[in-house]
Amino acid sequence: MIVTTTTVVEGHPVKDYLGVVTGEVIVGANLFRDVMASITDIVGGRSGKYEQVLARARKEAIAEMQREAEALGGNAVVGVDIDYEVLGQNGSMLMVSVSGTAVTL
Protein backbone atom coordinates (compact mmCIF):
# COMPACT_ATOMS: atom_id res chain seq x y z
CA MET A 1 0.00 0.00 0.00
CA ILE A 2 1.28 3.44 -0.91
CA VAL A 3 1.33 5.87 2.02
CA THR A 4 2.38 9.42 1.20
CA THR A 5 2.25 12.92 2.60
CA THR A 6 1.53 14.27 -0.88
CA THR A 7 -2.02 14.63 -2.18
CA VAL A 8 -1.27 12.80 -5.42
CA VAL A 9 0.82 9.82 -6.49
CA GLU A 10 2.55 10.69 -9.73
CA GLY A 11 1.54 8.41 -12.56
CA HIS A 12 -1.40 6.97 -10.57
CA PRO A 13 -4.60 9.01 -10.83
CA VAL A 14 -7.02 8.69 -7.94
CA LYS A 15 -10.05 6.65 -8.99
CA ASP A 16 -12.04 7.01 -5.78
CA TYR A 17 -11.77 8.90 -2.49
CA LEU A 18 -12.92 6.64 0.33
CA GLY A 19 -12.65 8.91 3.36
CA VAL A 20 -10.40 9.95 6.21
CA VAL A 21 -8.51 7.19 8.00
CA THR A 22 -6.56 7.44 11.23
CA GLY A 23 -4.21 5.56 13.49
CA GLU A 24 -3.35 6.39 17.08
CA VAL A 25 -0.85 4.87 19.48
CA ILE A 26 -0.25 5.96 23.06
CA VAL A 27 2.90 4.79 24.80
CA GLY A 28 4.03 5.30 28.36
CA ALA A 29 7.50 6.41 29.27
CA ASN A 30 8.89 4.27 32.05
CA LEU A 31 11.06 5.58 34.84
CA PHE A 32 14.28 3.87 33.73
CA ARG A 33 14.03 5.35 30.24
CA ASP A 34 13.31 8.80 31.76
CA VAL A 35 16.42 8.60 33.95
CA MET A 36 18.61 7.50 31.04
CA ALA A 37 17.21 10.25 28.82
CA SER A 38 17.92 12.82 31.53
CA ILE A 39 21.54 11.67 31.71
CA THR A 40 21.80 11.89 27.92
CA ASP A 41 20.31 15.42 28.05
CA ILE A 42 22.89 16.46 30.64
CA VAL A 43 25.94 15.01 28.89
CA GLY A 44 24.66 15.65 25.38
CA GLY A 45 23.84 13.36 22.53
CA ARG A 46 20.75 11.63 21.31
CA SER A 47 18.35 9.60 23.39
CA GLY A 48 18.34 6.29 21.55
CA LYS A 49 15.69 4.67 23.76
CA TYR A 50 13.21 7.48 23.17
CA GLU A 51 13.97 7.40 19.46
CA GLN A 52 13.23 3.67 19.39
CA VAL A 53 9.92 4.17 21.21
CA LEU A 54 8.93 6.99 18.85
CA ALA A 55 9.83 4.94 15.78
CA ARG A 56 7.84 1.94 17.00
CA ALA A 57 4.81 4.07 17.89
CA ARG A 58 4.90 5.82 14.50
CA LYS A 59 5.11 2.49 12.62
CA GLU A 60 2.22 1.04 14.64
CA ALA A 61 0.06 4.13 14.05
CA ILE A 62 0.73 4.00 10.30
CA ALA A 63 -0.06 0.27 10.22
CA GLU A 64 -3.36 0.93 12.03
CA MET A 65 -4.22 3.62 9.47
CA GLN A 66 -3.37 1.25 6.61
CA ARG A 67 -5.66 -1.45 8.05
CA GLU A 68 -8.49 1.08 8.21
CA ALA A 69 -7.85 2.08 4.58
CA GLU A 70 -7.82 -1.58 3.49
CA ALA A 71 -11.14 -2.15 5.28
CA LEU A 72 -12.62 0.62 3.14
CA GLY A 73 -11.24 -1.01 -0.02
CA GLY A 74 -8.35 1.42 -0.48
CA ASN A 75 -4.94 0.66 -1.88
CA ALA A 76 -3.27 3.94 -0.87
CA VAL A 77 -3.42 6.73 1.70
CA VAL A 78 -2.63 10.27 0.56
CA GLY A 79 -2.18 13.55 2.41
CA VAL A 80 -0.81 11.81 5.50
CA ASP A 81 -0.14 13.95 8.57
CA ILE A 82 1.82 12.72 11.60
CA ASP A 83 1.35 14.41 14.99
CA TYR A 84 3.01 13.88 18.36
CA GLU A 85 1.42 14.91 21.68
CA VAL A 86 2.49 14.57 25.29
CA LEU A 87 -0.35 13.39 27.54
CA GLY A 88 -1.02 12.67 31.19
CA GLN A 89 0.06 14.31 34.37
CA ASN A 90 3.75 15.17 34.21
CA GLY A 91 3.83 14.30 30.51
CA SER A 92 4.15 10.60 31.22
CA MET A 93 2.50 9.41 27.99
CA LEU A 94 3.20 10.08 24.34
CA MET A 95 0.56 9.88 21.61
CA VAL A 96 1.41 9.48 17.95
CA SER A 97 -1.52 10.07 15.63
CA VAL A 98 -1.60 9.81 11.88
CA SER A 99 -4.37 10.68 9.47
CA GLY A 100 -4.86 10.73 5.74
CA THR A 101 -7.34 10.05 2.97
CA ALA A 102 -7.91 6.48 1.83
CA VAL A 103 -8.08 6.21 -1.94
CA THR A 104 -8.08 3.68 -4.75
CA LEU A 105 -5.54 4.28 -7.48
C-alpha atoms as a PDB file:
ATOM      1  CA  MET A   1       0.000   0.000   0.000  1.00  0.00           C
ATOM      2  CA  ILE A   2       1.276   3.443  -0.914  1.00  0.00           C
ATOM      3  CA  VAL A   3       1.328   5.875   2.021  1.00  0.00           C
ATOM      4  CA  THR A   4       2.380   9.416   1.198  1.00  0.00           C
ATOM      5  CA  THR A   5       2.245  12.923   2.601  1.00  0.00           C
ATOM      6  CA  THR A   6       1.533  14.270  -0.875  1.00  0.00           C
ATOM      7  CA  THR A   7      -2.015  14.631  -2.182  1.00  0.00           C
ATOM      8  CA  VAL A   8      -1.268  12.803  -5.421  1.00  0.00           C
ATOM      9  CA  VAL A   9       0.815   9.824  -6.493  1.00  0.00           C
ATOM     10  CA  GLU A  10       2.547  10.694  -9.731  1.00  0.00           C
ATOM     11  CA  GLY A  11       1.537   8.407 -12.565  1.00  0.00           C
ATOM     12  CA  HIS A  12      -1.401   6.968 -10.573  1.00  0.00           C
ATOM     13  CA  PRO A  13      -4.597   9.014 -10.831  1.00  0.00           C
ATOM     14  CA  VAL A  14      -7.024   8.694  -7.935  1.00  0.00           C
ATOM     15  CA  LYS A  15     -10.049   6.650  -8.990  1.00  0.00           C
ATOM     16  CA  ASP A  16     -12.044   7.012  -5.783  1.00  0.00           C
ATOM     17  CA  TYR A  17     -11.772   8.896  -2.492  1.00  0.00           C
ATOM     18  CA  LEU A  18     -12.924   6.638   0.334  1.00  0.00           C
ATOM     19  CA  GLY A  19     -12.652   8.913   3.363  1.00  0.00           C
ATOM     20  CA  VAL A  20     -10.403   9.949   6.206  1.00  0.00           C
ATOM     21  CA  VAL A  21      -8.515   7.192   7.995  1.00  0.00           C
ATOM     22  CA  THR A  22      -6.558   7.438  11.228  1.00  0.00           C
ATOM     23  CA  GLY A  23      -4.209   5.559  13.493  1.00  0.00           C
ATOM     24  CA  GLU A  24      -3.351   6.388  17.083  1.00  0.00           C
ATOM     25  CA  VAL A  25      -0.852   4.871  19.481  1.00  0.00           C
ATOM     26  CA  ILE A  26      -0.254   5.960  23.065  1.00  0.00           C
ATOM     27  CA  VAL A  27       2.896   4.795  24.801  1.00  0.00           C
ATOM     28  CA  GLY A  28       4.025   5.300  28.360  1.00  0.00           C
ATOM     29  CA  ALA A  29       7.502   6.411  29.269  1.00  0.00           C
ATOM     30  CA  ASN A  30       8.891   4.267  32.049  1.00  0.00           C
ATOM     31  CA  LEU A  31      11.064   5.584  34.842  1.00  0.00           C
ATOM     32  CA  PHE A  32      14.283   3.874  33.730  1.00  0.00           C
ATOM     33  CA  ARG A  33      14.027   5.348  30.243  1.00  0.00           C
ATOM     34  CA  ASP A  34      13.308   8.796  31.762  1.00  0.00           C
ATOM     35  CA  VAL A  35      16.417   8.602  33.951  1.00  0.00           C
ATOM     36  CA  MET A  36      18.615   7.500  31.040  1.00  0.00           C
ATOM     37  CA  ALA A  37      17.213  10.247  28.821  1.00  0.00           C
ATOM     38  CA  SER A  38      17.922  12.815  31.529  1.00  0.00           C
ATOM     39  CA  ILE A  39      21.536  11.665  31.712  1.00  0.00           C
ATOM     40  CA  THR A  40      21.797  11.894  27.921  1.00  0.00           C
ATOM     41  CA  ASP A  41      20.313  15.418  28.047  1.00  0.00           C
ATOM     42  CA  ILE A  42      22.891  16.457  30.645  1.00  0.00           C
ATOM     43  CA  VAL A  43      25.943  15.007  28.891  1.00  0.00           C
ATOM     44  CA  GLY A  44      24.662  15.651  25.377  1.00  0.00           C
ATOM     45  CA  GLY A  45      23.844  13.359  22.529  1.00  0.00           C
ATOM     46  CA  ARG A  46      20.755  11.633  21.305  1.00  0.00           C
ATOM     47  CA  SER A  47      18.349   9.600  23.392  1.00  0.00           C
ATOM     48  CA  GLY A  48      18.340   6.294  21.550  1.00  0.00           C
ATOM     49  CA  LYS A  49      15.692   4.669  23.759  1.00  0.00           C
ATOM     50  CA  TYR A  50      13.210   7.479  23.173  1.00  0.00           C
ATOM     51  CA  GLU A  51      13.967   7.397  19.458  1.00  0.00           C
ATOM     52  CA  GLN A  52      13.228   3.668  19.394  1.00  0.00           C
ATOM     53  CA  VAL A  53       9.924   4.169  21.212  1.00  0.00           C
ATOM     54  CA  LEU A  54       8.926   6.993  18.852  1.00  0.00           C
ATOM     55  CA  ALA A  55       9.826   4.941  15.776  1.00  0.00           C
ATOM     56  CA  ARG A  56       7.840   1.937  17.002  1.00  0.00           C
ATOM     57  CA  ALA A  57       4.809   4.073  17.890  1.00  0.00           C
ATOM     58  CA  ARG A  58       4.898   5.822  14.501  1.00  0.00           C
ATOM     59  CA  LYS A  59       5.114   2.490  12.617  1.00  0.00           C
ATOM     60  CA  GLU A  60       2.217   1.044  14.639  1.00  0.00           C
ATOM     61  CA  ALA A  61       0.062   4.128  14.050  1.00  0.00           C
ATOM     62  CA  ILE A  62       0.727   4.005  10.297  1.00  0.00           C
ATOM     63  CA  ALA A  63      -0.063   0.270  10.219  1.00  0.00           C
ATOM     64  CA  GLU A  64      -3.360   0.928  12.025  1.00  0.00           C
ATOM     65  CA  MET A  65      -4.225   3.619   9.473  1.00  0.00           C
ATOM     66  CA  GLN A  66      -3.367   1.249   6.610  1.00  0.00           C
ATOM     67  CA  ARG A  67      -5.660  -1.448   8.054  1.00  0.00           C
ATOM     68  CA  GLU A  68      -8.487   1.081   8.209  1.00  0.00           C
ATOM     69  CA  ALA A  69      -7.846   2.075   4.578  1.00  0.00           C
ATOM     70  CA  GLU A  70      -7.825  -1.578   3.490  1.00  0.00           C
ATOM     71  CA  ALA A  71     -11.141  -2.147   5.281  1.00  0.00           C
ATOM     72  CA  LEU A  72     -12.622   0.624   3.137  1.00  0.00           C
ATOM     73  CA  GLY A  73     -11.236  -1.012  -0.025  1.00  0.00           C
ATOM     74  CA  GLY A  74      -8.348   1.418  -0.481  1.00  0.00           C
ATOM     75  CA  ASN A  75      -4.940   0.660  -1.884  1.00  0.00           C
ATOM     76  CA  ALA A  76      -3.269   3.942  -0.874  1.00  0.00           C
ATOM     77  CA  VAL A  77      -3.424   6.726   1.696  1.00  0.00           C
ATOM     78  CA  VAL A  78      -2.627  10.266   0.559  1.00  0.00           C
ATOM     79  CA  GLY A  79      -2.178  13.546   2.411  1.00  0.00           C
ATOM     80  CA  VAL A  80      -0.806  11.807   5.497  1.00  0.00           C
ATOM     81  CA  ASP A  81      -0.142  13.954   8.573  1.00  0.00           C
ATOM     82  CA  ILE A  82       1.818  12.725  11.603  1.00  0.00           C
ATOM     83  CA  ASP A  83       1.350  14.410  14.985  1.00  0.00           C
ATOM     84  CA  TYR A  84       3.010  13.884  18.359  1.00  0.00           C
ATOM     85  CA  GLU A  85       1.416  14.908  21.676  1.00  0.00           C
ATOM     86  CA  VAL A  86       2.492  14.570  25.295  1.00  0.00           C
ATOM     87  CA  LEU A  87      -0.351  13.390  27.538  1.00  0.00           C
ATOM     88  CA  GLY A  88      -1.017  12.671  31.186  1.00  0.00           C
ATOM     89  CA  GLN A  89       0.056  14.310  34.367  1.00  0.00           C
ATOM     90  CA  ASN A  90       3.754  15.170  34.210  1.00  0.00           C
ATOM     91  CA  GLY A  91       3.826  14.302  30.510  1.00  0.00           C
ATOM     92  CA  SER A  92       4.145  10.596  31.221  1.00  0.00           C
ATOM     93  CA  MET A  93       2.498   9.414  27.991  1.00  0.00           C
ATOM     94  CA  LEU A  94       3.195  10.078  24.337  1.00  0.00           C
ATOM     95  CA  MET A  95       0.557   9.882  21.608  1.00  0.00           C
ATOM     96  CA  VAL A  96       1.411   9.479  17.953  1.00  0.00           C
ATOM     97  CA  SER A  97      -1.519  10.070  15.632  1.00  0.00           C
ATOM     98  CA  VAL A  98      -1.602   9.806  11.875  1.00  0.00           C
ATOM     99  CA  SER A  99      -4.372  10.678   9.469  1.00  0.00           C
ATOM    100  CA  GLY A 100      -4.858  10.727   5.741  1.00  0.00           C
ATOM    101  CA  THR A 101      -7.338  10.050   2.971  1.00  0.00           C
ATOM    102  CA  ALA A 102      -7.905   6.476   1.835  1.00  0.00           C
ATOM    103  CA  VAL A 103      -8.084   6.209  -1.937  1.00  0.00           C
ATOM    104  CA  THR A 104      -8.075   3.681  -4.753  1.00  0.00           C
ATOM    105  CA  LEU A 105      -5.539   4.279  -7.479  1.00  0.00           C
END
